[in-house]
N, C-alpha and C. Protein backbone atom coordinates (compact mmCIF):
# COMPACT_ATOMS: atom_id res chain seq x y z
N UNK A 1 26.63 12.36 212.38
CA UNK A 1 27.34 13.60 212.19
C UNK A 1 28.35 13.47 211.05
N UNK A 2 28.98 12.30 210.95
CA UNK A 2 29.94 12.08 209.86
C UNK A 2 29.27 12.21 208.50
N UNK A 3 28.04 11.69 208.41
CA UNK A 3 27.31 11.75 207.15
C UNK A 3 27.06 13.20 206.76
N UNK A 4 26.70 14.06 207.72
CA UNK A 4 26.46 15.48 207.44
C UNK A 4 27.71 16.12 206.85
N UNK A 5 28.86 15.90 207.49
CA UNK A 5 30.10 16.51 207.02
C UNK A 5 30.50 15.97 205.65
N UNK A 6 30.30 14.67 205.45
CA UNK A 6 30.62 14.09 204.14
C UNK A 6 29.75 14.71 203.06
N UNK A 7 28.45 14.81 203.32
CA UNK A 7 27.55 15.44 202.34
C UNK A 7 27.92 16.91 202.12
N UNK A 8 28.25 17.60 203.20
CA UNK A 8 28.64 19.01 203.09
C UNK A 8 29.85 19.16 202.16
N UNK A 9 30.88 18.36 202.38
CA UNK A 9 32.09 18.49 201.57
C UNK A 9 31.87 18.03 200.13
N UNK A 10 31.03 17.04 199.92
CA UNK A 10 30.71 16.63 198.55
C UNK A 10 30.04 17.78 197.80
N UNK A 11 29.07 18.41 198.46
CA UNK A 11 28.38 19.55 197.84
C UNK A 11 29.34 20.71 197.61
N UNK A 12 30.17 20.98 198.59
CA UNK A 12 31.10 22.11 198.51
C UNK A 12 32.11 21.93 197.39
N UNK A 13 32.69 20.76 197.28
CA UNK A 13 33.79 20.57 196.34
C UNK A 13 33.37 20.05 194.97
N UNK A 14 32.17 19.54 194.81
CA UNK A 14 31.74 19.08 193.50
C UNK A 14 31.01 20.16 192.73
N UNK A 15 30.65 21.21 193.39
CA UNK A 15 29.94 22.29 192.71
C UNK A 15 28.45 22.02 192.61
N UNK A 16 28.00 20.92 193.16
CA UNK A 16 26.56 20.64 193.16
C UNK A 16 25.88 21.66 194.04
N UNK A 17 24.75 22.09 193.63
CA UNK A 17 24.04 23.10 194.39
C UNK A 17 22.64 22.62 194.71
N UNK A 18 22.13 22.99 195.86
CA UNK A 18 20.75 22.64 196.18
C UNK A 18 19.81 23.46 195.30
N UNK A 19 18.54 23.12 195.37
CA UNK A 19 17.56 23.93 194.65
C UNK A 19 17.60 25.34 195.20
N UNK A 20 17.89 26.32 194.35
CA UNK A 20 17.99 27.71 194.78
C UNK A 20 16.64 28.38 194.73
N UNK A 21 16.37 29.24 195.68
CA UNK A 21 15.16 30.04 195.58
C UNK A 21 15.20 30.81 194.26
N UNK A 22 14.09 30.92 193.61
CA UNK A 22 14.05 31.54 192.29
C UNK A 22 14.66 32.94 192.30
N UNK A 23 15.59 33.16 191.38
CA UNK A 23 16.23 34.46 191.13
C UNK A 23 17.04 35.02 192.30
N UNK A 24 17.34 34.21 193.30
CA UNK A 24 18.04 34.74 194.46
C UNK A 24 19.41 35.31 194.09
N UNK A 25 20.11 34.71 193.15
CA UNK A 25 21.43 35.18 192.75
C UNK A 25 21.39 35.82 191.37
N UNK A 26 20.22 36.32 190.97
CA UNK A 26 20.03 36.94 189.67
C UNK A 26 20.64 38.34 189.66
N UNK A 27 21.76 38.48 188.96
CA UNK A 27 22.46 39.77 188.94
C UNK A 27 21.65 40.84 188.22
N UNK A 28 20.93 40.46 187.18
CA UNK A 28 20.16 41.45 186.42
C UNK A 28 19.13 42.13 187.33
N UNK A 29 18.40 41.33 188.07
CA UNK A 29 17.37 41.87 188.97
C UNK A 29 18.01 42.78 190.03
N UNK A 30 19.11 42.34 190.59
CA UNK A 30 19.79 43.11 191.63
C UNK A 30 20.32 44.44 191.06
N UNK A 31 20.96 44.38 189.90
CA UNK A 31 21.53 45.59 189.29
C UNK A 31 20.43 46.58 188.90
N UNK A 32 19.30 46.09 188.40
CA UNK A 32 18.18 46.99 188.08
C UNK A 32 17.68 47.69 189.34
N UNK A 33 17.63 46.95 190.43
CA UNK A 33 17.21 47.53 191.70
C UNK A 33 18.14 48.67 192.11
N UNK A 34 19.44 48.47 191.94
CA UNK A 34 20.41 49.53 192.26
C UNK A 34 20.25 50.73 191.33
N UNK A 35 20.12 50.47 190.04
CA UNK A 35 19.98 51.56 189.08
C UNK A 35 18.73 52.39 189.30
N UNK A 36 17.66 51.73 189.72
CA UNK A 36 16.39 52.41 189.94
C UNK A 36 16.25 52.93 191.38
N UNK A 37 17.34 52.81 192.17
CA UNK A 37 17.36 53.26 193.57
C UNK A 37 16.25 52.61 194.40
N UNK A 38 15.98 51.35 194.13
CA UNK A 38 14.98 50.62 194.91
C UNK A 38 15.65 49.74 195.96
N UNK A 39 16.89 50.09 196.30
CA UNK A 39 17.67 49.29 197.23
C UNK A 39 17.66 49.86 198.64
N UNK A 40 16.77 50.79 198.94
CA UNK A 40 16.76 51.41 200.26
C UNK A 40 15.34 51.74 200.68
N UNK A 41 14.99 51.30 201.88
CA UNK A 41 13.69 51.63 202.47
C UNK A 41 13.94 52.66 203.55
N UNK A 42 13.80 53.92 203.23
CA UNK A 42 14.17 55.04 204.10
C UNK A 42 13.66 54.99 205.52
N UNK A 43 12.41 54.63 205.72
CA UNK A 43 11.84 54.65 207.06
C UNK A 43 12.42 53.56 207.95
N UNK A 44 12.96 52.51 207.35
CA UNK A 44 13.53 51.41 208.12
C UNK A 44 15.04 51.46 208.13
N UNK A 45 15.62 52.56 207.67
CA UNK A 45 17.06 52.66 207.54
C UNK A 45 17.79 52.67 208.87
N UNK A 46 19.05 52.26 208.82
CA UNK A 46 19.90 52.34 209.99
C UNK A 46 20.99 53.35 209.71
N UNK A 47 21.56 53.91 210.78
CA UNK A 47 22.56 54.96 210.57
C UNK A 47 23.94 54.61 211.10
N UNK A 48 24.09 53.40 211.67
CA UNK A 48 25.40 52.99 212.15
C UNK A 48 25.43 51.48 212.34
N UNK A 49 26.59 50.88 212.06
CA UNK A 49 26.80 49.45 212.24
C UNK A 49 27.97 49.26 213.18
N UNK A 50 27.83 48.36 214.14
CA UNK A 50 28.91 48.01 215.05
C UNK A 50 29.10 46.49 214.99
N UNK A 51 30.32 46.06 214.70
CA UNK A 51 30.65 44.64 214.69
C UNK A 51 31.58 44.37 215.87
N UNK A 52 31.18 43.45 216.73
CA UNK A 52 32.01 43.02 217.85
C UNK A 52 32.52 41.61 217.49
N UNK A 53 33.80 41.56 217.12
CA UNK A 53 34.37 40.30 216.64
C UNK A 53 34.32 39.20 217.70
N UNK A 54 34.70 39.53 218.93
CA UNK A 54 34.76 38.52 219.99
C UNK A 54 33.38 37.88 220.22
N UNK A 55 32.33 38.68 220.14
CA UNK A 55 30.96 38.17 220.35
C UNK A 55 30.38 37.57 219.07
N UNK A 56 31.03 37.85 217.92
CA UNK A 56 30.53 37.41 216.61
C UNK A 56 29.10 37.90 216.39
N UNK A 57 28.93 39.21 216.63
CA UNK A 57 27.61 39.85 216.48
C UNK A 57 27.77 41.19 215.77
N UNK A 58 26.74 41.54 215.02
CA UNK A 58 26.64 42.83 214.36
C UNK A 58 25.43 43.55 214.94
N UNK A 59 25.65 44.80 215.37
CA UNK A 59 24.58 45.60 215.95
C UNK A 59 24.21 46.70 214.95
N UNK A 60 22.93 46.79 214.64
CA UNK A 60 22.44 47.81 213.73
C UNK A 60 21.74 48.89 214.55
N UNK A 61 22.16 50.14 214.34
CA UNK A 61 21.65 51.27 215.13
C UNK A 61 20.87 52.25 214.27
N UNK A 62 19.90 52.87 214.90
CA UNK A 62 19.20 54.03 214.34
C UNK A 62 18.95 54.97 215.51
N UNK A 63 19.40 56.21 215.36
CA UNK A 63 19.24 57.22 216.41
C UNK A 63 19.79 56.72 217.75
N UNK A 64 20.97 56.09 217.70
CA UNK A 64 21.67 55.57 218.88
C UNK A 64 20.93 54.47 219.64
N UNK A 65 19.96 53.83 218.99
CA UNK A 65 19.24 52.71 219.60
C UNK A 65 19.45 51.47 218.75
N UNK A 66 19.74 50.36 219.40
CA UNK A 66 19.93 49.10 218.69
C UNK A 66 18.60 48.67 218.07
N UNK A 67 18.62 48.49 216.77
CA UNK A 67 17.43 48.05 216.05
C UNK A 67 17.42 46.54 215.83
N UNK A 68 18.62 45.97 215.72
CA UNK A 68 18.73 44.56 215.41
C UNK A 68 20.12 44.07 215.78
N UNK A 69 20.20 42.79 216.17
CA UNK A 69 21.49 42.14 216.43
C UNK A 69 21.54 40.92 215.53
N UNK A 70 22.62 40.84 214.75
CA UNK A 70 22.74 39.78 213.74
C UNK A 70 23.97 38.93 214.04
N UNK A 71 23.82 37.59 214.10
CA UNK A 71 24.99 36.73 214.26
C UNK A 71 25.83 36.76 212.98
N UNK A 72 27.15 36.65 213.13
CA UNK A 72 28.06 36.76 211.98
C UNK A 72 29.14 35.68 212.03
N UNK A 73 29.78 35.51 210.90
CA UNK A 73 31.04 34.77 210.78
C UNK A 73 32.08 35.76 210.32
N UNK A 74 33.34 35.48 210.66
CA UNK A 74 34.45 36.38 210.33
C UNK A 74 35.50 35.64 209.51
N UNK A 75 36.63 36.32 209.33
CA UNK A 75 37.76 35.68 208.68
C UNK A 75 38.24 34.48 209.48
N UNK A 76 38.87 33.52 208.79
CA UNK A 76 39.33 32.29 209.43
C UNK A 76 40.33 32.55 210.56
N UNK A 77 41.00 33.68 210.53
CA UNK A 77 41.97 34.06 211.55
C UNK A 77 41.46 35.36 212.20
N UNK A 78 40.49 35.26 213.11
CA UNK A 78 39.76 36.46 213.54
C UNK A 78 40.49 37.38 214.52
N UNK A 79 41.57 36.95 215.13
CA UNK A 79 42.22 37.79 216.14
C UNK A 79 43.09 38.85 215.51
N UNK A 80 42.89 40.09 215.95
CA UNK A 80 43.71 41.19 215.50
C UNK A 80 43.24 41.83 214.21
N UNK A 81 43.89 42.95 213.86
CA UNK A 81 43.56 43.74 212.68
C UNK A 81 44.21 43.15 211.44
N UNK A 82 43.54 43.25 210.33
CA UNK A 82 44.08 42.77 209.05
C UNK A 82 45.40 43.47 208.78
N UNK A 83 46.43 42.72 208.43
CA UNK A 83 47.76 43.27 208.16
C UNK A 83 48.12 43.22 206.69
N UNK A 84 47.69 42.12 206.03
CA UNK A 84 48.07 41.96 204.63
C UNK A 84 47.13 40.98 203.93
N UNK A 85 47.17 41.04 202.60
CA UNK A 85 46.36 40.14 201.78
C UNK A 85 46.70 38.69 202.16
N UNK A 86 45.66 37.89 202.33
CA UNK A 86 45.85 36.48 202.60
C UNK A 86 45.98 36.11 204.06
N UNK A 87 45.93 37.08 204.98
CA UNK A 87 46.07 36.72 206.40
C UNK A 87 44.75 36.25 207.02
N UNK A 88 43.67 36.31 206.26
CA UNK A 88 42.34 35.83 206.69
C UNK A 88 41.83 36.54 207.95
N UNK A 89 42.26 37.76 208.15
CA UNK A 89 41.78 38.55 209.29
C UNK A 89 40.73 39.55 208.82
N UNK A 90 39.78 39.80 209.69
CA UNK A 90 38.79 40.85 209.46
C UNK A 90 39.37 42.14 210.03
N UNK A 91 39.40 43.22 209.23
CA UNK A 91 40.01 44.47 209.73
C UNK A 91 39.25 45.03 210.92
N UNK A 92 39.96 45.85 211.69
CA UNK A 92 39.36 46.52 212.85
C UNK A 92 39.52 48.02 212.69
N UNK A 93 38.54 48.77 213.19
CA UNK A 93 38.60 50.22 213.14
C UNK A 93 37.30 50.82 212.65
N UNK A 94 37.39 52.07 212.25
CA UNK A 94 36.23 52.83 211.77
C UNK A 94 36.28 52.91 210.25
N UNK A 95 35.21 52.49 209.62
CA UNK A 95 35.09 52.46 208.17
C UNK A 95 33.72 53.01 207.79
N UNK A 96 33.36 52.87 206.51
CA UNK A 96 32.00 53.19 206.06
C UNK A 96 31.65 52.26 204.91
N UNK A 97 30.36 52.13 204.67
CA UNK A 97 29.88 51.33 203.53
C UNK A 97 30.05 52.21 202.30
N UNK A 98 30.90 51.79 201.37
CA UNK A 98 31.16 52.65 200.21
C UNK A 98 30.48 52.18 198.93
N UNK A 99 29.86 51.02 198.96
CA UNK A 99 29.21 50.53 197.74
C UNK A 99 28.37 49.30 198.05
N UNK A 100 27.33 49.13 197.28
CA UNK A 100 26.56 47.90 197.31
C UNK A 100 26.95 47.08 196.08
N UNK A 101 27.00 45.78 196.25
CA UNK A 101 27.49 44.92 195.18
C UNK A 101 26.57 43.72 194.99
N UNK A 102 26.15 43.49 193.77
CA UNK A 102 25.39 42.30 193.43
C UNK A 102 26.40 41.20 193.14
N UNK A 103 26.27 40.06 193.79
CA UNK A 103 27.30 39.03 193.70
C UNK A 103 26.75 37.68 193.27
N UNK A 104 27.30 37.11 192.20
CA UNK A 104 26.87 35.77 191.81
C UNK A 104 27.39 34.71 192.78
N UNK A 105 28.36 35.07 193.60
CA UNK A 105 28.96 34.12 194.53
C UNK A 105 28.33 34.17 195.92
N UNK A 106 28.03 35.39 196.41
CA UNK A 106 27.54 35.56 197.77
C UNK A 106 26.23 36.34 197.84
N UNK A 107 25.39 36.23 196.82
CA UNK A 107 24.07 36.86 196.78
C UNK A 107 24.20 38.38 196.70
N UNK A 108 24.39 39.08 197.79
CA UNK A 108 24.57 40.53 197.78
C UNK A 108 25.61 40.90 198.84
N UNK A 109 26.28 42.03 198.61
CA UNK A 109 27.35 42.43 199.52
C UNK A 109 27.33 43.93 199.75
N UNK A 110 27.81 44.34 200.92
CA UNK A 110 28.03 45.74 201.25
C UNK A 110 29.54 45.92 201.40
N UNK A 111 30.12 46.74 200.55
CA UNK A 111 31.57 46.91 200.53
C UNK A 111 32.02 47.86 201.63
N UNK A 112 33.04 47.44 202.38
CA UNK A 112 33.59 48.20 203.49
C UNK A 112 34.82 48.96 202.99
N UNK A 113 35.01 50.18 203.47
CA UNK A 113 36.07 51.07 202.98
C UNK A 113 37.47 50.70 203.47
N UNK A 114 37.78 49.43 203.46
CA UNK A 114 39.14 48.97 203.77
C UNK A 114 39.84 48.67 202.45
N UNK A 115 41.10 49.02 202.29
CA UNK A 115 42.02 49.61 203.24
C UNK A 115 41.93 51.13 203.26
N UNK A 116 42.07 51.68 204.45
CA UNK A 116 42.14 53.13 204.62
C UNK A 116 43.57 53.58 204.33
N UNK A 117 43.80 54.89 204.20
CA UNK A 117 45.17 55.36 203.94
C UNK A 117 46.19 54.85 204.97
N UNK A 118 45.81 54.82 206.24
CA UNK A 118 46.74 54.33 207.26
C UNK A 118 47.04 52.84 207.12
N UNK A 119 46.06 52.06 206.63
CA UNK A 119 46.30 50.64 206.39
C UNK A 119 47.27 50.46 205.22
N UNK A 120 47.10 51.27 204.19
CA UNK A 120 48.00 51.20 203.03
C UNK A 120 49.42 51.59 203.45
N UNK A 121 49.53 52.63 204.26
CA UNK A 121 50.84 53.11 204.71
C UNK A 121 51.54 52.05 205.58
N UNK A 122 50.80 51.44 206.48
CA UNK A 122 51.36 50.40 207.35
C UNK A 122 51.85 49.22 206.51
N UNK A 123 51.05 48.80 205.54
CA UNK A 123 51.43 47.68 204.69
C UNK A 123 52.65 48.03 203.83
N UNK A 124 52.68 49.24 203.31
CA UNK A 124 53.81 49.67 202.48
C UNK A 124 55.11 49.64 203.28
N UNK A 125 55.04 50.09 204.53
CA UNK A 125 56.22 50.08 205.40
C UNK A 125 56.73 48.66 205.65
N UNK A 126 55.82 47.69 205.64
CA UNK A 126 56.19 46.28 205.84
C UNK A 126 56.53 45.59 204.52
N UNK A 127 56.27 46.29 203.40
CA UNK A 127 56.53 45.70 202.09
C UNK A 127 55.52 44.63 201.69
N UNK A 128 54.27 44.79 202.15
CA UNK A 128 53.22 43.82 201.84
C UNK A 128 52.02 44.52 201.21
N UNK A 129 51.15 43.75 200.62
CA UNK A 129 49.89 44.23 200.07
C UNK A 129 48.86 44.24 201.20
N UNK A 130 48.15 45.36 201.44
CA UNK A 130 47.20 45.41 202.55
C UNK A 130 45.96 44.55 202.33
N UNK A 131 45.74 44.08 201.13
CA UNK A 131 44.52 43.35 200.83
C UNK A 131 43.40 44.34 200.55
N UNK A 132 42.23 43.83 200.30
CA UNK A 132 41.09 44.67 200.00
C UNK A 132 39.87 43.83 199.74
N UNK A 133 38.87 44.43 199.13
CA UNK A 133 37.62 43.73 198.80
C UNK A 133 36.96 43.14 200.05
N UNK A 134 37.00 43.86 201.14
CA UNK A 134 36.37 43.41 202.38
C UNK A 134 34.91 43.85 202.33
N UNK A 135 34.03 42.90 202.58
CA UNK A 135 32.59 43.18 202.51
C UNK A 135 31.84 42.55 203.68
N UNK A 136 30.61 43.00 203.83
CA UNK A 136 29.62 42.23 204.57
C UNK A 136 28.89 41.48 203.47
N UNK A 137 28.96 40.17 203.49
CA UNK A 137 28.30 39.42 202.42
C UNK A 137 27.42 38.31 202.98
N UNK A 138 26.57 37.81 202.10
CA UNK A 138 25.65 36.74 202.48
C UNK A 138 26.34 35.39 202.26
N UNK A 139 25.55 34.38 202.05
CA UNK A 139 26.04 33.01 201.98
C UNK A 139 26.44 32.59 200.56
N UNK A 140 27.36 31.63 200.46
CA UNK A 140 27.69 31.10 199.13
C UNK A 140 26.50 30.33 198.57
N UNK A 141 26.54 30.10 197.27
CA UNK A 141 25.39 29.46 196.59
C UNK A 141 25.00 28.12 197.19
N UNK A 142 25.98 27.34 197.68
CA UNK A 142 25.63 26.02 198.22
C UNK A 142 24.68 26.15 199.41
N UNK A 143 24.65 27.34 200.06
CA UNK A 143 23.76 27.56 201.20
C UNK A 143 22.67 28.58 200.87
N UNK A 144 22.28 28.66 199.64
CA UNK A 144 21.25 29.62 199.24
C UNK A 144 19.94 29.39 199.97
N UNK A 145 19.62 28.16 200.25
CA UNK A 145 18.36 27.85 200.92
C UNK A 145 18.38 28.21 202.41
N UNK A 146 19.57 28.40 202.97
CA UNK A 146 19.69 28.71 204.39
C UNK A 146 19.74 27.48 205.27
N UNK A 147 19.66 26.30 204.68
CA UNK A 147 19.69 25.07 205.49
C UNK A 147 21.02 24.86 206.19
N UNK A 148 22.08 25.47 205.67
CA UNK A 148 23.40 25.34 206.29
C UNK A 148 23.78 26.52 207.16
N UNK A 149 22.84 27.42 207.47
CA UNK A 149 23.16 28.61 208.27
C UNK A 149 23.77 28.27 209.62
N UNK A 150 23.22 27.25 210.30
CA UNK A 150 23.77 26.92 211.62
C UNK A 150 25.22 26.45 211.48
N UNK A 151 25.54 25.79 210.39
CA UNK A 151 26.92 25.36 210.15
C UNK A 151 27.82 26.56 209.88
N UNK A 152 27.42 27.44 208.95
CA UNK A 152 28.29 28.56 208.59
C UNK A 152 28.42 29.58 209.72
N UNK A 153 27.38 29.75 210.51
CA UNK A 153 27.44 30.71 211.61
C UNK A 153 28.16 30.16 212.84
N UNK A 154 28.46 28.88 212.85
CA UNK A 154 29.13 28.27 214.00
C UNK A 154 30.65 28.35 213.89
N UNK A 155 31.15 28.91 212.79
CA UNK A 155 32.61 29.00 212.60
C UNK A 155 32.97 30.24 211.81
N UNK A 156 34.23 30.59 211.88
CA UNK A 156 34.77 31.68 211.07
C UNK A 156 35.37 31.05 209.82
N UNK A 157 34.91 31.48 208.65
CA UNK A 157 35.30 30.80 207.42
C UNK A 157 35.66 31.73 206.26
N UNK A 158 35.51 33.02 206.41
CA UNK A 158 35.76 33.92 205.28
C UNK A 158 37.25 34.24 205.17
N UNK A 159 37.60 35.00 204.15
CA UNK A 159 38.99 35.42 203.95
C UNK A 159 39.24 36.80 204.59
N UNK A 160 38.32 37.25 205.42
CA UNK A 160 38.46 38.53 206.10
C UNK A 160 37.17 39.33 206.10
N UNK A 161 36.17 38.84 205.42
CA UNK A 161 34.87 39.53 205.35
C UNK A 161 34.03 39.20 206.57
N UNK A 162 32.90 39.88 206.66
CA UNK A 162 31.88 39.61 207.67
C UNK A 162 30.73 38.94 206.93
N UNK A 163 30.40 37.71 207.31
CA UNK A 163 29.34 36.97 206.63
C UNK A 163 28.09 36.90 207.49
N UNK A 164 26.94 37.04 206.84
CA UNK A 164 25.64 36.95 207.49
C UNK A 164 24.77 35.99 206.68
N UNK A 165 23.63 35.63 207.20
CA UNK A 165 22.71 34.78 206.44
C UNK A 165 22.10 35.59 205.29
N UNK A 166 21.53 34.91 204.33
CA UNK A 166 20.87 35.59 203.23
C UNK A 166 19.69 36.43 203.73
N UNK A 167 18.97 35.91 204.71
CA UNK A 167 17.84 36.69 205.26
C UNK A 167 18.34 37.96 205.95
N UNK A 168 19.44 37.86 206.67
CA UNK A 168 20.01 39.05 207.30
C UNK A 168 20.48 40.04 206.24
N UNK A 169 21.04 39.52 205.14
CA UNK A 169 21.49 40.41 204.07
C UNK A 169 20.31 41.15 203.44
N UNK A 170 19.17 40.49 203.32
CA UNK A 170 17.98 41.18 202.80
C UNK A 170 17.64 42.37 203.70
N UNK A 171 17.71 42.16 205.01
CA UNK A 171 17.44 43.24 205.97
C UNK A 171 18.46 44.37 205.79
N UNK A 172 19.74 44.01 205.74
CA UNK A 172 20.80 45.01 205.59
C UNK A 172 20.70 45.75 204.27
N UNK A 173 20.44 45.03 203.20
CA UNK A 173 20.42 45.62 201.86
C UNK A 173 19.47 46.80 201.78
N UNK A 174 18.29 46.65 202.37
CA UNK A 174 17.28 47.71 202.30
C UNK A 174 17.40 48.73 203.44
N UNK A 175 18.18 48.41 204.49
CA UNK A 175 18.30 49.30 205.64
C UNK A 175 19.54 50.18 205.58
N UNK A 176 20.49 49.85 204.71
CA UNK A 176 21.78 50.55 204.70
C UNK A 176 21.97 51.33 203.40
N UNK A 177 22.33 52.58 203.55
CA UNK A 177 22.74 53.41 202.41
C UNK A 177 24.26 53.44 202.35
N UNK A 178 24.76 53.75 201.17
CA UNK A 178 26.19 53.99 201.06
C UNK A 178 26.53 55.16 201.97
N UNK A 179 27.68 55.09 202.63
CA UNK A 179 28.11 56.14 203.55
C UNK A 179 27.84 55.84 205.00
N UNK A 180 27.05 54.82 205.31
CA UNK A 180 26.77 54.47 206.69
C UNK A 180 28.08 54.02 207.36
N UNK A 181 28.39 54.61 208.53
CA UNK A 181 29.63 54.21 209.23
C UNK A 181 29.52 52.81 209.82
N UNK A 182 30.67 52.12 209.82
CA UNK A 182 30.76 50.79 210.43
C UNK A 182 32.03 50.75 211.26
N UNK A 183 31.87 50.33 212.50
CA UNK A 183 33.02 50.15 213.41
C UNK A 183 33.16 48.66 213.63
N UNK A 184 34.38 48.17 213.49
CA UNK A 184 34.67 46.75 213.73
C UNK A 184 35.72 46.71 214.84
N UNK A 185 35.39 46.01 215.91
CA UNK A 185 36.36 45.86 217.01
C UNK A 185 36.26 44.51 217.67
C-alpha cells in the first residue's frame, strides 16, 4: 500500500502523466463539438440533477424517474454550505447548469450557477468573497486513464466542486443541456 501512495504522489507532484487516451483533453475537438451543438443527445437527456453530499451520490432524473446514480467526490471540507472562497466546501441549494466548459485540467466540466444573489449578499455582509467557478468536473490529467478512479472516489479532494469519473462525465456531457436544474443537499 505504501508503494501505491508513493507512486501516486510522485506522479501527482512531478507532473508525470500516464499514457492518455488519444485526444481526451483536446480542447479543439471539445470546442468544435460545442460550436456545432453536437454536445447533446436529446433522446437520452436528463431534466434534473440531485446531489446528496452525505451519500456522495449524484442522481440523474428524466420525467421524475432516476435514470442513473453516479458516485462523486466533493470539496475537501464537505459539511455545510459554501461560505467563502477557499473554504473547500461544496455549495448547497438550488442551482442550474449555466455553461459547458472544455477543460485542459479536468477533461470537461458543467458549470453550476454559484454564487447566487443570496450567496453574494451573505458573503458581502461578512466582508468575504463568496468564491465561484463551481463545476461538476471529471478527473485531473494524472487520472485520465481511470486507473485511479477508486482512489479519487474514495475521498473528498476538490476545492468545492463535484467530481465524477471521466466516463461519468461523458454520460453527463451528452445528457445535460444548459439550464438543467441541480439541487445539492
